[in-house]
Structures are given as structure tokens and as C-alpha cells.
Amino acid sequence: MSEQNLPYILELAGMAAASDDPPSMTETAVKNGIPRDQFERAVTIMQEQRLDAEFVRQLYILDGQVRGYVDMGDSPSIWILGQAAHAHYDLS
């Protein structure tokens, strides 16, 4: 399995899709190690599929349960999930 933090990528992509300044969000993603082409595809997917923050939260939960950073049955906020994913993937 890949060790890439897909929920984080899609969280940023969702922000970019809803932003008045998508290029700024793209630069943030690139600075955080996401390849530009991959991020731009993620933004397109979030726009075309009309995916929202709840989708991203559910993705964090599934990813966290599979990888062990979220306990089965837990349903924390997206902020807590993002922090747990960050710690798991050690993106600092």
C-alpha cells in the first residue's frame, strides 16, 4: 500500500476547488510535497465529483482505520483526523 496521505491531498484539493485563489492553494500543496500535476488532478476530481468535507472526513476515517491511526468505531472531527494522519505519515 502507498504511504501517501491521500485524505490530506483531497482535503487541500477541496479547499482549492472552493477557493477564490486556487493557484495559492496549489502553491501550498506543492510546498507540502504534493506534485503539482497530482494536486491539479485532485482539484479537478473534487470539482467534477462535487465532493465535500464530509467525503474527506470519511476518507480520513477509512484510511485511519486501515492504517491504525483511528480506532474502529471512532468518528472524530476532520481536524482531529487530519492531526492523527499527520502524525501517522510524519509530514512535518
Protein backbone atom coordinates (compact mmCIF):
# COMPACT_ATOMS: atom_id res chain seq x y z
CA MET A 1 0.00 0.00 0.00
CA SER A 2 1.10 3.52 -0.69
CA GLU A 3 2.30 5.66 2.19
CA GLN A 4 0.89 8.82 0.63
CA ASN A 5 -1.62 10.80 2.70
CA LEU A 6 -4.48 10.80 0.18
CA PRO A 7 -7.05 12.27 2.59
CA TYR A 8 -4.78 15.29 3.13
CA ILE A 9 -4.30 15.76 -0.61
CA LEU A 10 -8.05 15.69 -1.18
CA GLU A 11 -8.67 17.98 1.79
CA LEU A 12 -6.38 20.62 0.26
CA ALA A 13 -7.85 19.97 -3.19
CA GLY A 14 -11.34 20.59 -1.82
CA MET A 15 -10.15 23.86 -0.32
CA ALA A 16 -8.64 24.84 -3.66
CA ALA A 17 -11.82 23.90 -5.53
CA ALA A 18 -13.82 26.21 -3.25
CA SER A 19 -11.19 28.96 -3.10
CA ASP A 20 -11.18 32.34 -4.80
CA ASP A 21 -7.42 31.84 -5.26
CA PRO A 22 -6.77 28.23 -6.41
CA PRO A 23 -3.18 28.99 -7.56
CA SER A 24 -2.30 29.97 -4.00
CA MET A 25 -3.67 26.66 -2.72
CA THR A 26 -1.70 24.83 -5.41
CA GLU A 27 1.50 26.52 -4.25
CA THR A 28 0.71 25.49 -0.66
CA ALA A 29 0.23 21.89 -1.79
CA VAL A 30 3.49 21.90 -3.76
CA LYS A 31 5.36 23.36 -0.75
CA ASN A 32 3.92 20.49 1.30
CA GLY A 33 5.37 17.89 -1.06
CA ILE A 34 2.42 17.16 -3.33
CA PRO A 35 3.40 17.01 -7.01
CA ARG A 36 1.70 19.83 -8.95
CA ASP A 37 0.15 17.54 -11.60
CA GLN A 38 -1.22 15.18 -8.96
CA PHE A 39 -2.71 18.07 -6.99
CA GLU A 40 -4.31 19.62 -10.05
CA ARG A 41 -5.91 16.24 -10.87
CA ALA A 42 -7.19 16.04 -7.30
CA VAL A 43 -8.74 19.52 -7.58
CA THR A 44 -10.45 18.51 -10.82
CA ILE A 45 -11.81 15.33 -9.20
CA MET A 46 -13.14 17.26 -6.20
CA GLN A 47 -14.86 19.73 -8.55
CA GLU A 48 -16.26 17.24 -11.06
CA GLN A 49 -17.46 14.77 -8.45
CA ARG A 50 -18.75 17.58 -6.20
CA LEU A 51 -17.05 16.04 -3.22
CA ASP A 52 -17.16 17.90 0.07
CA ALA A 53 -15.62 17.99 3.53
CA GLU A 54 -17.79 15.08 4.72
CA PHE A 55 -16.35 12.91 1.95
CA VAL A 56 -12.83 13.86 3.07
CA ARG A 57 -13.71 13.14 6.74
CA GLN A 58 -14.99 9.68 5.79
CA LEU A 59 -11.83 9.07 3.75
CA TYR A 60 -9.68 10.04 6.76
CA ILE A 61 -11.69 7.61 8.91
CA LEU A 62 -11.28 4.74 6.45
CA ASP A 63 -7.59 5.47 5.91
CA GLY A 64 -7.05 5.78 9.64
CA GLN A 65 -8.82 2.54 10.42
CA VAL A 66 -6.89 0.64 7.74
CA ARG A 67 -3.55 2.11 8.83
CA GLY A 68 -4.30 2.02 12.56
CA TYR A 69 -4.29 5.72 13.50
CA VAL A 70 -8.07 5.78 14.10
CA ASP A 71 -9.81 3.22 16.30
CA MET A 72 -12.65 1.21 14.80
CA GLY A 73 -15.96 2.86 15.59
CA ASP A 74 -14.45 6.29 16.26
CA SER A 75 -15.79 9.28 14.33
CA PRO A 76 -13.75 12.34 15.33
CA SER A 77 -13.80 15.75 13.65
CA ILE A 78 -11.91 16.35 10.43
CA TRP A 79 -9.39 18.49 12.33
CA ILE A 80 -8.56 15.68 14.77
CA LEU A 81 -8.41 13.19 11.91
CA GLY A 82 -6.04 15.45 9.99
CA GLN A 83 -3.76 15.72 13.01
CA ALA A 84 -3.78 11.95 13.51
CA ALA A 85 -2.97 11.41 9.82
CA HIS A 86 -0.19 13.99 10.01
CA ALA A 87 1.35 12.16 12.96
CA HIS A 88 0.99 8.82 11.18
CA TYR A 89 2.50 9.96 7.90
CA ASP A 90 5.09 12.17 9.68
CA LEU A 91 4.68 15.01 7.24
CA SER A 92 6.41 17.56 9.41
